[in-house]
Amino acid sequence: MASGSEARLVWVAEEFLLEAKIAPWSELPLWIPDSDPDSAGFSTFNCDKAISAGLAFRPLADTVRDTLAWEATRPADHEWCAGLKPEREAELLQAWRK
């Protein structure tokens, strides 16, 4: 694994996140609920034309490594503005498993 982490991905239902009052885009960056009519199609697009013109995708492992290298340049006490706090994440995972 490119990150060196032993983290495991856990998929949870959108309804669970909404009931838990998780803020889309800020507490879970890049998550926009499919059920929200105001953001319907937000992350849906057709990139066939770009691909046929030569668009290339870099390997995910490269993106992970580069992002972690950038993150390592941040001050140790840097406070992130988005994402779940570890305690909240643990609480949600425990509730999801019940």
PDB file of N, CA and C in Angstrom:
ATOM      1  N   MET A   1       0.848  -1.180   0.000  1.00  0.00           N
ATOM      2  CA  MET A   1       0.000   0.000   0.000  1.00  0.00           C
ATOM      3  C   MET A   1       0.897   1.248   0.000  1.00  0.00           C
ATOM      4  N   ALA A   2       0.548   2.167  -0.867  1.00  0.00           N
ATOM      5  CA  ALA A   2       1.374   3.363  -1.053  1.00  0.00           C
ATOM      6  C   ALA A   2       1.489   4.216   0.198  1.00  0.00           C
ATOM      7  N   SER A   3       0.469   4.201   1.041  1.00  0.00           N
ATOM      8  CA  SER A   3       0.479   5.071   2.217  1.00  0.00           C
ATOM      9  C   SER A   3       1.231   4.464   3.392  1.00  0.00           C
ATOM     10  N   GLY A   4       1.442   3.172   3.364  1.00  0.00           N
ATOM     11  CA  GLY A   4       2.065   2.504   4.509  1.00  0.00           C
ATOM     12  C   GLY A   4       1.087   2.337   5.665  1.00  0.00           C
ATOM     13  N   SER A   5      -0.154   2.676   5.445  1.00  0.00           N
ATOM     14  CA  SER A   5      -1.187   2.608   6.478  1.00  0.00           C
ATOM     15  C   SER A   5      -1.861   1.242   6.483  1.00  0.00           C
ATOM     16  N   GLU A   6      -2.384   0.886   7.627  1.00  0.00           N
ATOM     17  CA  GLU A   6      -3.176  -0.336   7.722  1.00  0.00           C
ATOM     18  C   GLU A   6      -4.671   0.000   7.798  1.00  0.00           C
ATOM     19  N   ALA A   7      -5.025   1.212   7.412  1.00  0.00           N
ATOM     20  CA  ALA A   7      -6.419   1.644   7.436  1.00  0.00           C
ATOM     21  C   ALA A   7      -7.242   0.762   6.506  1.00  0.00           C
ATOM     22  N   ARG A   8      -8.500   0.543   6.901  1.00  0.00           N
ATOM     23  CA  ARG A   8      -9.420  -0.237   6.078  1.00  0.00           C
ATOM     24  C   ARG A   8     -10.594   0.653   5.680  1.00  0.00           C
ATOM     25  N   LEU A   9     -10.969   0.557   4.429  1.00  0.00           N
ATOM     26  CA  LEU A   9     -12.108   1.299   3.925  1.00  0.00           C
ATOM     27  C   LEU A   9     -13.389   0.651   4.433  1.00  0.00           C
ATOM     28  N   VAL A  10     -14.305   1.465   4.928  1.00  0.00           N
ATOM     29  CA  VAL A  10     -15.601   0.972   5.396  1.00  0.00           C
ATOM     30  C   VAL A  10     -16.680   1.760   4.673  1.00  0.00           C
ATOM     31  N   TRP A  11     -17.476   1.057   3.875  1.00  0.00           N
ATOM     32  CA  TRP A  11     -18.587   1.699   3.185  1.00  0.00           C
ATOM     33  C   TRP A  11     -19.781   1.727   4.131  1.00  0.00           C
ATOM     34  N   VAL A  12     -20.416   2.873   4.229  1.00  0.00           N
ATOM     35  CA  VAL A  12     -21.627   2.995   5.035  1.00  0.00           C
ATOM     36  C   VAL A  12     -22.729   3.581   4.157  1.00  0.00           C
ATOM     37  N   ALA A  13     -23.960   3.348   4.556  1.00  0.00           N
ATOM     38  CA  ALA A  13     -25.097   3.834   3.787  1.00  0.00           C
ATOM     39  C   ALA A  13     -25.220   5.357   3.900  1.00  0.00           C
ATOM     40  N   GLU A  14     -25.606   5.965   2.801  1.00  0.00           N
ATOM     41  CA  GLU A  14     -25.816   7.405   2.782  1.00  0.00           C
ATOM     42  C   GLU A  14     -26.813   7.824   3.858  1.00  0.00           C
ATOM     43  N   GLU A  15     -27.868   7.041   4.016  1.00  0.00           N
ATOM     44  CA  GLU A  15     -28.896   7.355   5.009  1.00  0.00           C
ATOM     45  C   GLU A  15     -28.307   7.407   6.420  1.00  0.00           C
ATOM     46  N   PHE A  16     -27.375   6.512   6.709  1.00  0.00           N
ATOM     47  CA  PHE A  16     -26.710   6.487   8.012  1.00  0.00           C
ATOM     48  C   PHE A  16     -25.953   7.795   8.246  1.00  0.00           C
ATOM     49  N   LEU A  17     -25.220   8.239   7.240  1.00  0.00           N
ATOM     50  CA  LEU A  17     -24.454   9.477   7.368  1.00  0.00           C
ATOM     51  C   LEU A  17     -25.369  10.680   7.544  1.00  0.00           C
ATOM     52  N   LEU A  18     -26.452  10.713   6.796  1.00  0.00           N
ATOM     53  CA  LEU A  18     -27.386  11.822   6.908  1.00  0.00           C
ATOM     54  C   LEU A  18     -28.074  11.834   8.266  1.00  0.00           C
ATOM     55  N   GLU A  19     -28.478  10.657   8.757  1.00  0.00           N
ATOM     56  CA  GLU A  19     -29.109  10.573  10.077  1.00  0.00           C
ATOM     57  C   GLU A  19     -28.136  10.988  11.181  1.00  0.00           C
ATOM     58  N   ALA A  20     -26.848  10.717  10.970  1.00  0.00           N
ATOM     59  CA  ALA A  20     -25.819  11.095  11.941  1.00  0.00           C
ATOM     60  C   ALA A  20     -25.429  12.566  11.809  1.00  0.00           C
ATOM     61  N   LYS A  21     -26.062  13.255  10.878  1.00  0.00           N
ATOM     62  CA  LYS A  21     -25.829  14.684  10.653  1.00  0.00           C
ATOM     63  C   LYS A  21     -24.377  14.988  10.239  1.00  0.00           C
ATOM     64  N   ILE A  22     -23.807  14.091   9.414  1.00  0.00           N
ATOM     65  CA  ILE A  22     -22.472  14.317   8.865  1.00  0.00           C
ATOM     66  C   ILE A  22     -22.596  15.346   7.750  1.00  0.00           C
ATOM     67  N   ALA A  23     -21.779  16.360   7.792  1.00  0.00           N
ATOM     68  CA  ALA A  23     -21.835  17.439   6.808  1.00  0.00           C
ATOM     69  C   ALA A  23     -21.143  17.019   5.513  1.00  0.00           C
ATOM     70  N   PRO A  24     -21.936  16.920   4.427  1.00  0.00           N
ATOM     71  CA  PRO A  24     -21.313  16.604   3.144  1.00  0.00           C
ATOM     72  C   PRO A  24     -20.265  17.652   2.777  1.00  0.00           C
ATOM     73  N   TRP A  25     -19.252  17.193   2.109  1.00  0.00           N
ATOM     74  CA  TRP A  25     -18.165  18.005   1.552  1.00  0.00           C
ATOM     75  C   TRP A  25     -17.193  18.531   2.597  1.00  0.00           C
ATOM     76  N   SER A  26     -17.621  18.762   3.818  1.00  0.00           N
ATOM     77  CA  SER A  26     -16.679  19.287   4.805  1.00  0.00           C
ATOM     78  C   SER A  26     -16.250  18.213   5.799  1.00  0.00           C
ATOM     79  N   GLU A  27     -17.194  17.520   6.412  1.00  0.00           N
ATOM     80  CA  GLU A  27     -16.797  16.450   7.332  1.00  0.00           C
ATOM     81  C   GLU A  27     -16.351  15.209   6.560  1.00  0.00           C
ATOM     82  N   LEU A  28     -16.923  15.005   5.392  1.00  0.00           N
ATOM     83  CA  LEU A  28     -16.475  13.941   4.483  1.00  0.00           C
ATOM     84  C   LEU A  28     -16.179  14.584   3.134  1.00  0.00           C
ATOM     85  N   PRO A  29     -14.962  15.113   2.987  1.00  0.00           N
ATOM     86  CA  PRO A  29     -14.614  15.768   1.733  1.00  0.00           C
ATOM     87  C   PRO A  29     -14.854  14.850   0.533  1.00  0.00           C
ATOM     88  N   LEU A  30     -15.384  15.427  -0.501  1.00  0.00           N
ATOM     89  CA  LEU A  30     -15.694  14.770  -1.769  1.00  0.00           C
ATOM     90  C   LEU A  30     -16.973  13.933  -1.727  1.00  0.00           C
ATOM     91  N   TRP A  31     -17.677  13.898  -0.593  1.00  0.00           N
ATOM     92  CA  TRP A  31     -18.960  13.198  -0.531  1.00  0.00           C
ATOM     93  C   TRP A  31     -20.088  14.203  -0.660  1.00  0.00           C
ATOM     94  N   ILE A  32     -20.893  13.990  -1.677  1.00  0.00           N
ATOM     95  CA  ILE A  32     -22.120  14.753  -1.881  1.00  0.00           C
ATOM     96  C   ILE A  32     -23.234  13.712  -1.966  1.00  0.00           C
ATOM     97  N   PRO A  33     -24.252  13.810  -1.137  1.00  0.00           N
ATOM     98  CA  PRO A  33     -25.316  12.801  -1.144  1.00  0.00           C
ATOM     99  C   PRO A  33     -26.023  12.696  -2.501  1.00  0.00           C
ATOM    100  N   ASP A  34     -26.225  11.470  -2.941  1.00  0.00           N
ATOM    101  CA  ASP A  34     -26.959  11.243  -4.186  1.00  0.00           C
ATOM    102  C   ASP A  34     -28.411  11.680  -4.045  1.00  0.00           C
ATOM    103  N   SER A  35     -28.918  11.650  -2.818  1.00  0.00           N
ATOM    104  CA  SER A  35     -30.327  11.948  -2.587  1.00  0.00           C
ATOM    105  C   SER A  35     -30.640  13.443  -2.543  1.00  0.00           C
ATOM    106  N   ASP A  36     -29.632  14.290  -2.597  1.00  0.00           N
ATOM    107  CA  ASP A  36     -29.846  15.736  -2.533  1.00  0.00           C
ATOM    108  C   ASP A  36     -30.163  16.281  -3.925  1.00  0.00           C
ATOM    109  N   PRO A  37     -31.413  16.688  -4.160  1.00  0.00           N
ATOM    110  CA  PRO A  37     -31.772  17.164  -5.503  1.00  0.00           C
ATOM    111  C   PRO A  37     -31.013  18.427  -5.917  1.00  0.00           C
ATOM    112  N   ASP A  38     -30.538  19.204  -4.955  1.00  0.00           N
ATOM    113  CA  ASP A  38     -29.795  20.421  -5.285  1.00  0.00           C
ATOM    114  C   ASP A  38     -28.405  20.140  -5.846  1.00  0.00           C
ATOM    115  N   SER A  39     -27.906  18.926  -5.607  1.00  0.00           N
ATOM    116  CA  SER A  39     -26.570  18.601  -6.116  1.00  0.00           C
ATOM    117  C   SER A  39     -26.593  17.411  -7.064  1.00  0.00           C
ATOM    118  N   ALA A  40     -27.767  17.111  -7.600  1.00  0.00           N
ATOM    119  CA  ALA A  40     -27.887  15.998  -8.546  1.00  0.00           C
ATOM    120  C   ALA A  40     -26.913  16.204  -9.702  1.00  0.00           C
ATOM    121  N   GLY A  41     -26.169  15.177 -10.004  1.00  0.00           N
ATOM    122  CA  GLY A  41     -25.214  15.243 -11.102  1.00  0.00           C
ATOM    123  C   GLY A  41     -23.919  15.957 -10.779  1.00  0.00           C
ATOM    124  N   PHE A  42     -23.735  16.341  -9.528  1.00  0.00           N
ATOM    125  CA  PHE A  42     -22.555  17.112  -9.140  1.00  0.00           C
ATOM    126  C   PHE A  42     -21.252  16.452  -9.581  1.00  0.00           C
ATOM    127  N   SER A  43     -21.134  15.154  -9.383  1.00  0.00           N
ATOM    128  CA  SER A  43     -19.882  14.482  -9.730  1.00  0.00           C
ATOM    129  C   SER A  43     -20.057  13.529 -10.905  1.00  0.00           C
ATOM    130  N   THR A  44     -21.074  13.780 -11.716  1.00  0.00           N
ATOM    131  CA  THR A  44     -21.321  12.957 -12.890  1.00  0.00           C
ATOM    132  C   THR A  44     -20.915  13.728 -14.134  1.00  0.00           C
ATOM    133  N   PHE A  45     -20.077  13.137 -14.907  1.00  0.00           N
ATOM    134  CA  PHE A  45     -19.655  13.778 -16.137  1.00  0.00           C
ATOM    135  C   PHE A  45     -19.167  12.709 -17.102  1.00  0.00           C
ATOM    136  N   ASN A  46     -19.150  13.040 -18.348  1.00  0.00           N
ATOM    137  CA  ASN A  46     -18.671  12.137 -19.383  1.00  0.00           C
ATOM    138  C   ASN A  46     -17.341  12.669 -19.876  1.00  0.00           C
ATOM    139  N   CYS A  47     -16.296  11.909 -19.657  1.00  0.00           N
ATOM    140  CA  CYS A  47     -14.964  12.351 -20.071  1.00  0.00           C
ATOM    141  C   CYS A  47     -14.450  11.568 -21.280  1.00  0.00           C
ATOM    142  N   ASP A  48     -15.370  10.919 -22.004  1.00  0.00           N
ATOM    143  CA  ASP A  48     -14.960  10.136 -23.175  1.00  0.00           C
ATOM    144  C   ASP A  48     -14.179  10.964 -24.191  1.00  0.00           C
ATOM    145  N   LYS A  49     -14.620  12.191 -24.418  1.00  0.00           N
ATOM    146  CA  LYS A  49     -13.953  13.047 -25.402  1.00  0.00           C
ATOM    147  C   LYS A  49     -12.509  13.336 -24.966  1.00  0.00           C
ATOM    148  N   ALA A  50     -12.322  13.627 -23.686  1.00  0.00           N
ATOM    149  CA  ALA A  50     -10.972  13.900 -23.176  1.00  0.00           C
ATOM    150  C   ALA A  50     -10.096  12.660 -23.255  1.00  0.00           C
ATOM    151  N   ILE A  51     -10.684  11.513 -22.941  1.00  0.00           N
ATOM    152  CA  ILE A  51      -9.913  10.259 -23.009  1.00  0.00           C
ATOM    153  C   ILE A  51      -9.520   9.972 -24.454  1.00  0.00           C
ATOM    154  N   SER A  52     -10.460  10.155 -25.382  1.00  0.00           N
ATOM    155  CA  SER A  52     -10.138   9.892 -26.795  1.00  0.00           C
ATOM    156  C   SER A  52      -9.101  10.886 -27.322  1.00  0.00           C
ATOM    157  N   ALA A  53      -9.008  12.062 -26.684  1.00  0.00           N
ATOM    158  CA  ALA A  53      -8.008  13.051 -27.094  1.00  0.00           C
ATOM    159  C   ALA A  53      -6.663  12.824 -26.406  1.00  0.00           C
ATOM    160  N   GLY A  54      -6.588  11.793 -25.551  1.00  0.00           N
ATOM    161  CA  GLY A  54      -5.303  11.464 -24.951  1.00  0.00           C
ATOM    162  C   GLY A  54      -5.193  11.674 -23.453  1.00  0.00           C
ATOM    163  N   LEU A  55      -6.298  12.014 -22.787  1.00  0.00           N
ATOM    164  CA  LEU A  55      -6.245  12.178 -21.330  1.00  0.00           C
ATOM    165  C   LEU A  55      -5.677  10.916 -20.695  1.00  0.00           C
ATOM    166  N   ALA A  56      -4.708  11.102 -19.835  1.00  0.00           N
ATOM    167  CA  ALA A  56      -4.112   9.976 -19.116  1.00  0.00           C
ATOM    168  C   ALA A  56      -4.340  10.184 -17.629  1.00  0.00           C
ATOM    169  N   PHE A  57      -4.585   9.105 -16.934  1.00  0.00           N
ATOM    170  CA  PHE A  57      -4.787   9.150 -15.490  1.00  0.00           C
ATOM    171  C   PHE A  57      -3.528   8.654 -14.808  1.00  0.00           C
ATOM    172  N   ARG A  58      -3.090   9.394 -13.812  1.00  0.00           N
ATOM    173  CA  ARG A  58      -1.896   8.944 -13.091  1.00  0.00           C
ATOM    174  C   ARG A  58      -2.298   7.853 -12.116  1.00  0.00           C
ATOM    175  N   PRO A  59      -1.399   6.952 -11.792  1.00  0.00           N
ATOM    176  CA  PRO A  59      -1.721   5.882 -10.849  1.00  0.00           C
ATOM    177  C   PRO A  59      -2.108   6.449  -9.480  1.00  0.00           C
ATOM    178  N   LEU A  60      -3.114   5.865  -8.867  1.00  0.00           N
ATOM    179  CA  LEU A  60      -3.571   6.307  -7.560  1.00  0.00           C
ATOM    180  C   LEU A  60      -2.439   6.268  -6.536  1.00  0.00           C
ATOM    181  N   ALA A  61      -1.601   5.251  -6.606  1.00  0.00           N
ATOM    182  CA  ALA A  61      -0.484   5.145  -5.661  1.00  0.00           C
ATOM    183  C   ALA A  61       0.427   6.372  -5.754  1.00  0.00           C
ATOM    184  N   ASP A  62       0.629   6.910  -6.960  1.00  0.00           N
ATOM    185  CA  ASP A  62       1.447   8.122  -7.120  1.00  0.00           C
ATOM    186  C   ASP A  62       0.779   9.314  -6.436  1.00  0.00           C
ATOM    187  N   THR A  63      -0.525   9.421  -6.606  1.00  0.00           N
ATOM    188  CA  THR A  63      -1.259  10.520  -5.978  1.00  0.00           C
ATOM    189  C   THR A  63      -1.190  10.418  -4.465  1.00  0.00           C
ATOM    190  N   VAL A  64      -1.346   9.214  -3.935  1.00  0.00           N
ATOM    191  CA  VAL A  64      -1.274   9.007  -2.485  1.00  0.00           C
ATOM    192  C   VAL A  64       0.103   9.390  -1.969  1.00  0.00           C
ATOM    193  N   ARG A  65       1.141   8.897  -2.618  1.00  0.00           N
ATOM    194  CA  ARG A  65       2.517   9.210  -2.180  1.00  0.00           C
ATOM    195  C   ARG A  65       2.779  10.711  -2.223  1.00  0.00           C
ATOM    196  N   ASP A  66       2.395  11.365  -3.319  1.00  0.00           N
ATOM    197  CA  ASP A  66       2.645  12.800  -3.452  1.00  0.00           C
ATOM    198  C   ASP A  66       1.837  13.612  -2.442  1.00  0.00           C
ATOM    199  N   THR A  67       0.611  13.209  -2.190  1.00  0.00           N
ATOM    200  CA  THR A  67      -0.212  13.910  -1.201  1.00  0.00           C
ATOM    201  C   THR A  67       0.376  13.758   0.191  1.00  0.00           C
ATOM    202  N   LEU A  68       0.834  12.568   0.534  1.00  0.00           N
ATOM    203  CA  LEU A  68       1.451  12.365   1.849  1.00  0.00           C
ATOM    204  C   LEU A  68       2.773  13.129   1.967  1.00  0.00           C
ATOM    205  N   ALA A  69       3.521  13.219   0.883  1.00  0.00           N
ATOM    206  CA  ALA A  69       4.772  13.991   0.906  1.00  0.00           C
ATOM    207  C   ALA A  69       4.456  15.471   1.126  1.00  0.00           C
ATOM    208  N   TRP A  70       3.414  15.971   0.465  1.00  0.00           N
ATOM    209  CA  TRP A  70       3.003  17.366   0.673  1.00  0.00           C
ATOM    210  C   TRP A  70       2.532  17.561   2.107  1.00  0.00           C
ATOM    211  N   GLU A  71       1.722  16.639   2.606  1.00  0.00           N
ATOM    212  CA  GLU A  71       1.203  16.746   3.972  1.00  0.00           C
ATOM    213  C   GLU A  71       2.344  16.786   4.988  1.00  0.00           C
ATOM    214  N   ALA A  72       3.411  16.078   4.714  1.00  0.00           N
ATOM    215  CA  ALA A  72       4.562  16.043   5.627  1.00  0.00           C
ATOM    216  C   ALA A  72       5.269  17.392   5.705  1.00  0.00           C
ATOM    217  N   THR A  73       5.028  18.281   4.753  1.00  0.00           N
ATOM    218  CA  THR A  73       5.643  19.607   4.794  1.00  0.00           C
ATOM    219  C   THR A  73       4.850  20.585   5.657  1.00  0.00           C
ATOM    220  N   ARG A  74       3.650  20.186   6.072  1.00  0.00           N
ATOM    221  CA  ARG A  74       2.802  21.045   6.903  1.00  0.00           C
ATOM    222  C   ARG A  74       3.345  21.047   8.330  1.00  0.00           C
ATOM    223  N   PRO A  75       3.142  22.132   9.057  1.00  0.00           N
ATOM    224  CA  PRO A  75       3.577  22.153  10.453  1.00  0.00           C
ATOM    225  C   PRO A  75       2.888  21.048  11.258  1.00  0.00           C
ATOM    226  N   ALA A  76       3.583  20.508  12.226  1.00  0.00           N
ATOM    227  CA  ALA A  76       3.044  19.408  13.030  1.00  0.00           C
ATOM    228  C   ALA A  76       1.739  19.791  13.728  1.00  0.00           C
ATOM    229  N   ASP A  77       1.562  21.059  14.041  1.00  0.00           N
ATOM    230  CA  ASP A  77       0.353  21.494  14.746  1.00  0.00           C
ATOM    231  C   ASP A  77      -0.715  22.054  13.791  1.00  0.00           C
ATOM    232  N   HIS A  78      -0.546  21.795  12.496  1.00  0.00           N
ATOM    233  CA  HIS A  78      -1.519  22.290  11.518  1.00  0.00           C
ATOM    234  C   HIS A  78      -2.897  21.706  11.818  1.00  0.00           C
ATOM    235  N   GLU A  79      -3.914  22.566  11.851  1.00  0.00           N
ATOM    236  CA  GLU A  79      -5.278  22.108  12.088  1.00  0.00           C
ATOM    237  C   GLU A  79      -6.024  22.115  10.759  1.00  0.00           C
ATOM    238  N   TRP A  80      -6.499  20.944  10.372  1.00  0.00           N
ATOM    239  CA  TRP A  80      -7.208  20.802   9.110  1.00  0.00           C
ATOM    240  C   TRP A  80      -8.614  21.365   9.239  1.00  0.00           C
ATOM    241  N   CYS A  81      -9.107  21.969   8.183  1.00  0.00           N
ATOM    242  CA  CYS A  81     -10.426  22.600   8.188  1.00  0.00           C
ATOM    243  C   CYS A  81     -11.534  21.648   7.764  1.00  0.00           C
ATOM    244  N   ALA A  82     -11.203  20.506   7.229  1.00  0.00           N
ATOM    245  CA  ALA A  82     -12.212  19.562   6.745  1.00  0.00           C
ATOM    246  C   ALA A  82     -11.884  18.162   7.238  1.00  0.00           C
ATOM    247  N   GLY A  83     -12.888  17.336   7.235  1.00  0.00           N
ATOM    248  CA  GLY A  83     -12.706  15.947   7.636  1.00  0.00           C
ATOM    249  C   GLY A  83     -13.213  15.700   9.044  1.00  0.00           C
ATOM    250  N   LEU A  84     -13.528  14.452   9.289  1.00  0.00           N
ATOM    251  CA  LEU A  84     -14.001  14.056  10.613  1.00  0.00           C
ATOM    252  C   LEU A  84     -12.858  14.045  11.615  1.00  0.00           C
ATOM    253  N   LYS A  85     -13.136  14.441  12.823  1.00  0.00           N
ATOM    254  CA  LYS A  85     -12.172  14.286  13.907  1.00  0.00           C
ATOM    255  C   LYS A  85     -12.073  12.783  14.201  1.00  0.00           C
ATOM    256  N   PRO A  86     -10.905  12.294  14.582  1.00  0.00           N
ATOM    257  CA  PRO A  86     -10.748  10.857  14.841  1.00  0.00           C
ATOM    258  C   PRO A  86     -11.770  10.300  15.836  1.00  0.00           C
ATOM    259  N   GLU A  87     -12.092  11.082  16.853  1.00  0.00           N
ATOM    260  CA  GLU A  87     -13.057  10.610  17.854  1.00  0.00           C
ATOM    261  C   GLU A  87     -14.436  10.425  17.237  1.00  0.00           C
ATOM    262  N   ARG A  88     -14.837  11.357  16.369  1.00  0.00           N
ATOM    263  CA  ARG A  88     -16.148  11.275  15.714  1.00  0.00           C
ATOM    264  C   ARG A  88     -16.178  10.103  14.747  1.00  0.00           C
ATOM    265  N   GLU A  89     -15.093   9.895  14.033  1.00  0.00           N
ATOM    266  CA  GLU A  89     -15.007   8.767  13.111  1.00  0.00           C
ATOM    267  C   GLU A  89     -15.154   7.449  13.867  1.00  0.00           C
ATOM    268  N   ALA A  90     -14.461   7.314  14.977  1.00  0.00           N
ATOM    269  CA  ALA A  90     -14.552   6.089  15.784  1.00  0.00           C
ATOM    270  C   ALA A  90     -15.975   5.875  16.292  1.00  0.00           C
ATOM    271  N   GLU A  91     -16.605   6.960  16.724  1.00  0.00           N
ATOM    272  CA  GLU A  91     -17.993   6.886  17.211  1.00  0.00           C
ATOM    273  C   GLU A  91     -18.930   6.411  16.100  1.00  0.00           C
ATOM    274  N   LEU A  92     -18.765   6.953  14.911  1.00  0.00           N
ATOM    275  CA  LEU A  92     -19.610   6.562  13.777  1.00  0.00           C
ATOM    276  C   LEU A  92     -19.385   5.119  13.379  1.00  0.00           C
ATOM    277  N   LEU A  93     -18.144   4.700  13.327  1.00  0.00           N
ATOM    278  CA  LEU A  93     -17.859   3.319  12.968  1.00  0.00           C
ATOM    279  C   LEU A  93     -18.443   2.342  13.977  1.00  0.00           C
ATOM    280  N   GLN A  94     -18.372   2.688  15.238  1.00  0.00           N
ATOM    281  CA  GLN A  94     -18.956   1.840  16.269  1.00  0.00           C
ATOM    282  C   GLN A  94     -20.475   1.755  16.081  1.00  0.00           C
ATOM    283  N   ALA A  95     -21.114   2.871  15.819  1.00  0.00           N
ATOM    284  CA  ALA A  95     -22.563   2.890  15.610  1.00  0.00           C
ATOM    285  C   ALA A  95     -22.934   2.102  14.354  1.00  0.00           C
ATOM    286  N   TRP A  96     -22.134   2.213  13.311  1.00  0.00           N
ATOM    287  CA  TRP A  96     -22.412   1.500  12.049  1.00  0.00           C
ATOM    288  C   TRP A  96     -22.326  -0.011  12.253  1.00  0.00           C
ATOM    289  N   ARG A  97     -21.399  -0.433  13.044  1.00  0.00           N
ATOM    290  CA  ARG A  97     -21.205  -1.883  13.255  1.00  0.00           C
ATOM    291  C   ARG A  97     -22.299  -2.507  14.103  1.00  0.00           C
ATOM    292  N   LYS A  98     -23.056  -1.687  14.832  1.00  0.00           N
ATOM    293  CA  LYS A  98     -24.130  -2.220  15.708  1.00  0.00           C
ATOM    294  C   LYS A  98     -25.319  -2.601  14.925  1.00  0.00           C
TER     295      LYS A  98
END
